Amino acid sequence: MTVRPQADADTLCAGLPTPHSDNRRSPTIRRDLQSSQAAGSGDPRRAQFFIRFLTDPGDTVLDIFAGSNTTGMVADTEGRHWLAFEERADYLAASAFRFLPKDLSTAELQVIYDRIESGDGDDLSRFAKQMKLFA
């Protein structure tokens, strides 16, 4: 991993929008499961900036407060491995939607969501090259 100089986060993020406060409005996470309580407030541009600034492709990004897993999505897109930890199983379950194909039916999405939320888990490797979610 390349060591880079530290910088003031406010300076680095100047001009980037802050996440909106009403997390329930994000269609990205909710998709077909209207009852989902997942956040969706992470700003992918902010995550992308820090991931590019602090890591190299192939590095591992750790997110201990994953929420809607914006960081995992951006890390995946940027060629980084990632680990996501989230205390709330419903957030974790809904965050999996970011990595699922758009053509899955509502019934298939519901099964995946329910398995993850219940703690039984679901092997999502058939949909994403790398998925590590921990509740």
N, C-alpha and C. Protein backbone atom coordinates (compact mmCIF):
# COMPACT_ATOMS: atom_id res chain seq x y z
N MET A 1 0.84 -1.17 0.00
CA MET A 1 0.00 0.00 0.00
C MET A 1 0.89 1.24 0.00
N THR A 2 0.54 2.20 -0.79
CA THR A 2 1.28 3.44 -0.87
C THR A 2 0.90 4.35 0.29
N VAL A 3 1.89 4.90 0.98
CA VAL A 3 1.63 5.83 2.07
C VAL A 3 1.52 7.22 1.47
N ARG A 4 0.46 7.90 1.80
CA ARG A 4 0.23 9.23 1.25
C ARG A 4 0.15 10.23 2.39
N PRO A 5 0.47 11.49 2.15
CA PRO A 5 0.43 12.48 3.22
C PRO A 5 -0.99 12.69 3.73
N GLN A 6 -1.08 13.01 5.00
CA GLN A 6 -2.38 13.31 5.59
C GLN A 6 -2.82 14.69 5.15
N ALA A 7 -4.11 14.88 5.07
CA ALA A 7 -4.66 16.19 4.73
C ALA A 7 -5.92 16.42 5.53
N ASP A 8 -6.29 17.65 5.67
CA ASP A 8 -7.49 18.02 6.39
C ASP A 8 -8.71 17.58 5.59
N ALA A 9 -9.59 16.78 6.20
CA ALA A 9 -10.77 16.25 5.51
C ALA A 9 -11.66 17.36 4.98
N ASP A 10 -11.80 18.45 5.72
CA ASP A 10 -12.64 19.55 5.24
C ASP A 10 -12.08 20.16 3.96
N THR A 11 -10.76 20.26 3.88
CA THR A 11 -10.13 20.80 2.67
C THR A 11 -10.32 19.83 1.51
N LEU A 12 -10.11 18.55 1.77
CA LEU A 12 -10.23 17.56 0.71
C LEU A 12 -11.65 17.44 0.17
N CYS A 13 -12.63 17.67 1.02
CA CYS A 13 -14.03 17.48 0.63
C CYS A 13 -14.72 18.79 0.26
N ALA A 14 -13.98 19.87 0.20
CA ALA A 14 -14.58 21.16 -0.13
C ALA A 14 -15.34 21.05 -1.44
N GLY A 15 -16.57 21.52 -1.43
CA GLY A 15 -17.38 21.51 -2.63
C GLY A 15 -18.18 20.24 -2.84
N LEU A 16 -17.89 19.17 -2.10
CA LEU A 16 -18.69 17.95 -2.23
C LEU A 16 -19.97 18.11 -1.44
N PRO A 17 -21.08 17.64 -1.97
CA PRO A 17 -22.33 17.76 -1.24
C PRO A 17 -22.34 16.86 -0.01
N THR A 18 -23.07 17.26 0.99
CA THR A 18 -23.22 16.41 2.17
C THR A 18 -24.40 15.49 1.95
N PRO A 19 -24.42 14.31 2.57
CA PRO A 19 -25.55 13.40 2.40
C PRO A 19 -26.84 14.04 2.89
N HIS A 20 -27.94 13.70 2.23
CA HIS A 20 -29.23 14.24 2.67
C HIS A 20 -29.65 13.56 3.96
N SER A 21 -30.49 14.23 4.72
CA SER A 21 -30.83 13.71 6.05
C SER A 21 -31.99 12.72 6.02
N ASP A 22 -32.80 12.72 4.98
CA ASP A 22 -33.93 11.80 4.94
C ASP A 22 -33.51 10.54 4.19
N ASN A 23 -33.01 9.55 4.94
CA ASN A 23 -32.47 8.33 4.35
C ASN A 23 -33.50 7.48 3.64
N ARG A 24 -34.76 7.69 3.92
CA ARG A 24 -35.79 6.81 3.36
C ARG A 24 -36.10 7.12 1.90
N ARG A 25 -35.56 8.17 1.34
CA ARG A 25 -35.91 8.56 -0.02
C ARG A 25 -35.03 7.96 -1.09
N SER A 26 -33.98 7.26 -0.74
CA SER A 26 -33.04 6.75 -1.73
C SER A 26 -33.59 5.54 -2.47
N PRO A 27 -33.88 5.66 -3.76
CA PRO A 27 -34.39 4.52 -4.53
C PRO A 27 -33.30 3.50 -4.83
N THR A 28 -32.04 3.88 -4.71
CA THR A 28 -30.93 2.97 -5.03
C THR A 28 -31.00 1.72 -4.18
N ILE A 29 -31.23 1.89 -2.89
CA ILE A 29 -31.22 0.76 -1.98
C ILE A 29 -32.59 0.10 -1.92
N ARG A 30 -33.63 0.87 -1.88
CA ARG A 30 -34.96 0.32 -1.65
C ARG A 30 -35.44 -0.54 -2.80
N ARG A 31 -35.16 -0.14 -4.00
CA ARG A 31 -35.61 -0.82 -5.21
C ARG A 31 -37.02 -1.32 -5.05
N ASP A 32 -37.26 -2.62 -5.04
CA ASP A 32 -38.61 -3.15 -5.01
C ASP A 32 -39.11 -3.46 -3.60
N LEU A 33 -38.25 -3.36 -2.62
CA LEU A 33 -38.66 -3.69 -1.25
C LEU A 33 -39.01 -2.41 -0.52
N GLN A 34 -40.22 -1.98 -0.63
CA GLN A 34 -40.65 -0.70 -0.09
C GLN A 34 -40.53 -0.61 1.42
N SER A 35 -40.50 -1.74 2.10
CA SER A 35 -40.45 -1.70 3.56
C SER A 35 -39.03 -1.57 4.10
N SER A 36 -38.04 -1.56 3.22
CA SER A 36 -36.65 -1.50 3.68
C SER A 36 -36.39 -0.23 4.47
N GLN A 37 -35.63 -0.36 5.54
CA GLN A 37 -35.28 0.78 6.37
C GLN A 37 -33.83 1.21 6.15
N ALA A 38 -33.21 0.72 5.09
CA ALA A 38 -31.79 1.01 4.88
C ALA A 38 -31.55 2.48 4.65
N ALA A 39 -30.41 2.92 5.12
CA ALA A 39 -29.98 4.28 4.81
C ALA A 39 -29.65 4.30 3.33
N GLY A 40 -29.33 5.34 2.79
CA GLY A 40 -28.93 5.43 1.40
C GLY A 40 -28.27 6.77 1.24
N SER A 41 -27.70 7.25 2.33
CA SER A 41 -27.25 8.63 2.34
C SER A 41 -25.78 8.80 2.04
N GLY A 42 -25.04 7.71 1.85
CA GLY A 42 -23.63 7.87 1.58
C GLY A 42 -23.39 8.54 0.24
N ASP A 43 -22.43 9.44 0.18
CA ASP A 43 -22.10 10.13 -1.06
C ASP A 43 -21.00 9.36 -1.77
N PRO A 44 -21.29 8.73 -2.90
CA PRO A 44 -20.28 7.93 -3.57
C PRO A 44 -19.07 8.74 -4.03
N ARG A 45 -19.26 10.01 -4.35
CA ARG A 45 -18.12 10.82 -4.79
C ARG A 45 -17.13 11.05 -3.65
N ARG A 46 -17.65 11.22 -2.45
CA ARG A 46 -16.76 11.40 -1.28
C ARG A 46 -15.99 10.11 -1.02
N ALA A 47 -16.71 8.98 -1.03
CA ALA A 47 -16.04 7.69 -0.82
C ALA A 47 -15.01 7.44 -1.91
N GLN A 48 -15.36 7.75 -3.15
CA GLN A 48 -14.43 7.55 -4.26
C GLN A 48 -13.17 8.39 -4.08
N PHE A 49 -13.33 9.64 -3.66
CA PHE A 49 -12.17 10.50 -3.46
C PHE A 49 -11.21 9.89 -2.45
N PHE A 50 -11.73 9.48 -1.28
CA PHE A 50 -10.86 8.94 -0.24
C PHE A 50 -10.28 7.58 -0.61
N ILE A 51 -11.07 6.75 -1.28
CA ILE A 51 -10.55 5.44 -1.69
C ILE A 51 -9.42 5.62 -2.69
N ARG A 52 -9.58 6.51 -3.65
CA ARG A 52 -8.51 6.77 -4.61
C ARG A 52 -7.29 7.41 -3.96
N PHE A 53 -7.52 8.30 -3.00
CA PHE A 53 -6.44 9.03 -2.34
C PHE A 53 -5.63 8.15 -1.40
N LEU A 54 -6.32 7.25 -0.69
CA LEU A 54 -5.67 6.51 0.39
C LEU A 54 -5.32 5.06 0.06
N THR A 55 -5.79 4.53 -1.06
CA THR A 55 -5.54 3.13 -1.38
C THR A 55 -5.14 2.97 -2.84
N ASP A 56 -4.62 1.81 -3.14
CA ASP A 56 -4.27 1.43 -4.51
C ASP A 56 -5.16 0.26 -4.93
N PRO A 57 -5.34 0.06 -6.25
CA PRO A 57 -6.10 -1.12 -6.69
C PRO A 57 -5.51 -2.39 -6.07
N GLY A 58 -6.40 -3.26 -5.60
CA GLY A 58 -5.98 -4.49 -4.94
C GLY A 58 -5.91 -4.38 -3.43
N ASP A 59 -5.86 -3.15 -2.89
CA ASP A 59 -5.89 -2.96 -1.44
C ASP A 59 -7.26 -3.34 -0.89
N THR A 60 -7.34 -3.48 0.42
CA THR A 60 -8.62 -3.78 1.07
C THR A 60 -9.11 -2.56 1.82
N VAL A 61 -10.38 -2.23 1.61
CA VAL A 61 -11.03 -1.11 2.28
C VAL A 61 -11.93 -1.68 3.36
N LEU A 62 -11.79 -1.20 4.57
CA LEU A 62 -12.59 -1.66 5.71
C LEU A 62 -13.60 -0.58 6.08
N ASP A 63 -14.86 -0.96 6.16
CA ASP A 63 -15.92 -0.02 6.57
C ASP A 63 -16.62 -0.63 7.78
N ILE A 64 -16.37 -0.09 8.96
CA ILE A 64 -16.93 -0.67 10.18
C ILE A 64 -18.32 -0.13 10.50
N PHE A 65 -18.78 0.85 9.75
CA PHE A 65 -20.14 1.37 9.90
C PHE A 65 -20.75 1.42 8.50
N ALA A 66 -21.01 0.27 7.93
CA ALA A 66 -21.34 0.17 6.50
C ALA A 66 -22.64 0.84 6.09
N GLY A 67 -23.65 0.81 6.93
CA GLY A 67 -24.93 1.42 6.54
C GLY A 67 -25.42 0.86 5.23
N SER A 68 -25.56 1.71 4.23
CA SER A 68 -26.06 1.27 2.92
C SER A 68 -24.94 0.73 2.03
N ASN A 69 -23.73 0.70 2.54
CA ASN A 69 -22.56 0.12 1.87
C ASN A 69 -22.12 0.89 0.63
N THR A 70 -22.23 2.20 0.68
CA THR A 70 -21.71 3.03 -0.40
C THR A 70 -20.22 2.80 -0.56
N THR A 71 -19.49 2.71 0.55
CA THR A 71 -18.05 2.52 0.49
C THR A 71 -17.69 1.21 -0.20
N GLY A 72 -18.41 0.13 0.13
CA GLY A 72 -18.16 -1.16 -0.51
C GLY A 72 -18.41 -1.11 -2.01
N MET A 73 -19.49 -0.44 -2.40
CA MET A 73 -19.83 -0.32 -3.81
C MET A 73 -18.72 0.43 -4.56
N VAL A 74 -18.27 1.55 -4.00
CA VAL A 74 -17.23 2.34 -4.65
C VAL A 74 -15.91 1.57 -4.66
N ALA A 75 -15.57 0.93 -3.55
CA ALA A 75 -14.34 0.14 -3.49
C ALA A 75 -14.35 -0.94 -4.58
N ASP A 76 -15.46 -1.60 -4.73
CA ASP A 76 -15.60 -2.64 -5.75
C ASP A 76 -15.40 -2.05 -7.15
N THR A 77 -16.03 -0.93 -7.41
CA THR A 77 -15.92 -0.25 -8.70
C THR A 77 -14.49 0.20 -8.98
N GLU A 78 -13.77 0.58 -7.93
CA GLU A 78 -12.41 1.08 -8.07
C GLU A 78 -11.35 -0.03 -8.02
N GLY A 79 -11.78 -1.28 -8.00
CA GLY A 79 -10.84 -2.40 -8.03
C GLY A 79 -10.19 -2.71 -6.70
N ARG A 80 -10.86 -2.33 -5.61
CA ARG A 80 -10.36 -2.65 -4.28
C ARG A 80 -11.20 -3.77 -3.69
N HIS A 81 -10.61 -4.54 -2.81
CA HIS A 81 -11.36 -5.51 -2.02
C HIS A 81 -12.00 -4.73 -0.89
N TRP A 82 -13.04 -5.27 -0.27
CA TRP A 82 -13.67 -4.53 0.81
C TRP A 82 -14.31 -5.47 1.82
N LEU A 83 -14.40 -5.00 3.04
CA LEU A 83 -15.10 -5.68 4.13
C LEU A 83 -16.07 -4.67 4.72
N ALA A 84 -17.31 -5.08 4.88
CA ALA A 84 -18.33 -4.18 5.42
C ALA A 84 -18.93 -4.79 6.68
N PHE A 85 -18.94 -4.03 7.75
CA PHE A 85 -19.54 -4.44 9.00
C PHE A 85 -20.68 -3.48 9.31
N GLU A 86 -21.81 -4.03 9.70
CA GLU A 86 -22.96 -3.20 10.06
C GLU A 86 -23.72 -3.88 11.18
N GLU A 87 -24.05 -3.11 12.20
CA GLU A 87 -24.77 -3.62 13.36
C GLU A 87 -26.21 -3.98 13.03
N ARG A 88 -26.85 -3.22 12.17
CA ARG A 88 -28.25 -3.43 11.84
C ARG A 88 -28.39 -4.38 10.66
N ALA A 89 -28.99 -5.51 10.90
CA ALA A 89 -29.14 -6.53 9.86
C ALA A 89 -29.99 -6.03 8.69
N ASP A 90 -30.99 -5.18 8.96
CA ASP A 90 -31.83 -4.68 7.87
C ASP A 90 -31.04 -3.77 6.93
N TYR A 91 -30.12 -2.96 7.45
CA TYR A 91 -29.27 -2.14 6.59
C TYR A 91 -28.36 -3.03 5.76
N LEU A 92 -27.78 -4.01 6.42
CA LEU A 92 -26.88 -4.93 5.75
C LEU A 92 -27.59 -5.68 4.62
N ALA A 93 -28.79 -6.16 4.92
CA ALA A 93 -29.56 -6.91 3.91
C ALA A 93 -29.88 -6.02 2.72
N ALA A 94 -30.31 -4.81 2.98
CA ALA A 94 -30.66 -3.90 1.88
C ALA A 94 -29.43 -3.46 1.10
N SER A 95 -28.27 -3.39 1.76
CA SER A 95 -27.07 -2.97 1.05
C SER A 95 -26.66 -3.98 -0.02
N ALA A 96 -27.08 -5.21 0.13
CA ALA A 96 -26.76 -6.23 -0.88
C ALA A 96 -27.37 -5.89 -2.23
N PHE A 97 -28.44 -5.09 -2.26
CA PHE A 97 -29.09 -4.73 -3.53
C PHE A 97 -28.13 -4.00 -4.47
N ARG A 98 -27.16 -3.31 -3.91
CA ARG A 98 -26.20 -2.57 -4.74
C ARG A 98 -25.42 -3.50 -5.67
N PHE A 99 -25.32 -4.77 -5.31
CA PHE A 99 -24.46 -5.71 -6.02
C PHE A 99 -25.24 -6.75 -6.80
N LEU A 100 -26.55 -6.68 -6.75
CA LEU A 100 -27.38 -7.69 -7.41
C LEU A 100 -27.78 -7.23 -8.81
N PRO A 101 -27.99 -8.18 -9.71
CA PRO A 101 -28.42 -7.81 -11.06
C PRO A 101 -29.78 -7.11 -11.04
N LYS A 102 -29.96 -6.19 -11.96
CA LYS A 102 -31.21 -5.40 -12.02
C LYS A 102 -32.40 -6.23 -12.47
N ASP A 103 -32.16 -7.40 -13.06
CA ASP A 103 -33.27 -8.19 -13.61
C ASP A 103 -33.86 -9.21 -12.63
N LEU A 104 -33.42 -9.21 -11.37
CA LEU A 104 -34.01 -10.13 -10.39
C LEU A 104 -35.44 -9.71 -10.07
N SER A 105 -36.27 -10.68 -9.87
CA SER A 105 -37.67 -10.38 -9.55
C SER A 105 -37.80 -9.89 -8.11
N THR A 106 -38.91 -9.28 -7.83
CA THR A 106 -39.19 -8.82 -6.47
C THR A 106 -39.16 -10.00 -5.50
N ALA A 107 -39.68 -11.14 -5.92
CA ALA A 107 -39.69 -12.33 -5.06
C ALA A 107 -38.27 -12.80 -4.75
N GLU A 108 -37.40 -12.81 -5.76
CA GLU A 108 -36.00 -13.21 -5.55
C GLU A 108 -35.29 -12.23 -4.60
N LEU A 109 -35.54 -10.94 -4.79
CA LEU A 109 -34.95 -9.93 -3.91
C LEU A 109 -35.42 -10.10 -2.48
N GLN A 110 -36.70 -10.40 -2.33
CA GLN A 110 -37.26 -10.57 -0.98
C GLN A 110 -36.62 -11.76 -0.27
N VAL A 111 -36.42 -12.86 -0.98
CA VAL A 111 -35.78 -14.04 -0.40
C VAL A 111 -34.37 -13.71 0.07
N ILE A 112 -33.59 -13.04 -0.78
CA ILE A 112 -32.23 -12.67 -0.42
C ILE A 112 -32.23 -11.74 0.79
N TYR A 113 -33.09 -10.73 0.76
CA TYR A 113 -33.19 -9.77 1.86
C TYR A 113 -33.53 -10.50 3.17
N ASP A 114 -34.54 -11.36 3.13
CA ASP A 114 -34.98 -12.08 4.33
C ASP A 114 -33.88 -12.98 4.90
N ARG A 115 -33.16 -13.67 4.03
CA ARG A 115 -32.08 -14.56 4.50
C ARG A 115 -30.98 -13.77 5.21
N ILE A 116 -30.59 -12.66 4.63
CA ILE A 116 -29.53 -11.87 5.24
C ILE A 116 -30.02 -11.23 6.53
N GLU A 117 -31.22 -10.67 6.50
CA GLU A 117 -31.75 -9.98 7.68
C GLU A 117 -31.94 -10.94 8.86
N SER A 118 -32.31 -12.18 8.58
CA SER A 118 -32.54 -13.15 9.65
C SER A 118 -31.23 -13.69 10.24
N GLY A 119 -30.11 -13.40 9.58
CA GLY A 119 -28.83 -13.88 10.07
C GLY A 119 -28.41 -15.20 9.44
N ASP A 120 -29.29 -15.79 8.62
CA ASP A 120 -28.94 -17.04 7.94
C ASP A 120 -27.94 -16.81 6.83
N GLY A 121 -27.93 -15.62 6.30
CA GLY A 121 -27.01 -15.28 5.21
C GLY A 121 -27.46 -15.84 3.89
N ASP A 122 -26.79 -15.46 2.86
CA ASP A 122 -27.06 -15.94 1.51
C ASP A 122 -25.74 -15.85 0.76
N ASP A 123 -25.43 -16.87 -0.02
CA ASP A 123 -24.20 -16.84 -0.80
C ASP A 123 -24.44 -15.98 -2.03
N LEU A 124 -23.92 -14.77 -2.00
CA LEU A 124 -24.13 -13.84 -3.09
C LEU A 124 -22.98 -13.82 -4.08
N SER A 125 -22.06 -14.76 -3.94
CA SER A 125 -20.91 -14.79 -4.83
C SER A 125 -21.33 -15.06 -6.28
N ARG A 126 -22.50 -15.59 -6.47
CA ARG A 126 -22.97 -15.82 -7.84
C ARG A 126 -23.33 -14.51 -8.53
N PHE A 127 -23.46 -13.42 -7.75
CA PHE A 127 -23.82 -12.12 -8.31
C PHE A 127 -22.67 -11.12 -8.32
N ALA A 128 -21.76 -11.22 -7.38
CA ALA A 128 -20.68 -10.24 -7.26
C ALA A 128 -19.35 -10.95 -7.13
N LYS A 129 -18.32 -10.33 -7.67
CA LYS A 129 -17.00 -10.98 -7.60
C LYS A 129 -16.48 -11.06 -6.19
N GLN A 130 -16.89 -10.14 -5.35
CA GLN A 130 -16.42 -10.13 -3.98
C GLN A 130 -17.47 -9.49 -3.09
N MET A 131 -17.96 -10.23 -2.11
CA MET A 131 -18.95 -9.65 -1.22
C MET A 131 -18.71 -10.18 0.16
N LYS A 132 -18.37 -9.29 1.09
CA LYS A 132 -18.16 -9.65 2.49
C LYS A 132 -18.97 -8.69 3.34
N LEU A 133 -20.06 -9.19 3.88
CA LEU A 133 -20.93 -8.40 4.74
C LEU A 133 -21.00 -9.06 6.10
N PHE A 134 -20.84 -8.30 7.16
CA PHE A 134 -20.85 -8.85 8.52
C PHE A 134 -21.82 -8.08 9.40
N ALA A 135 -22.70 -8.83 10.07
CA ALA A 135 -23.64 -8.18 11.02
C ALA A 135 -23.20 -8.53 12.43
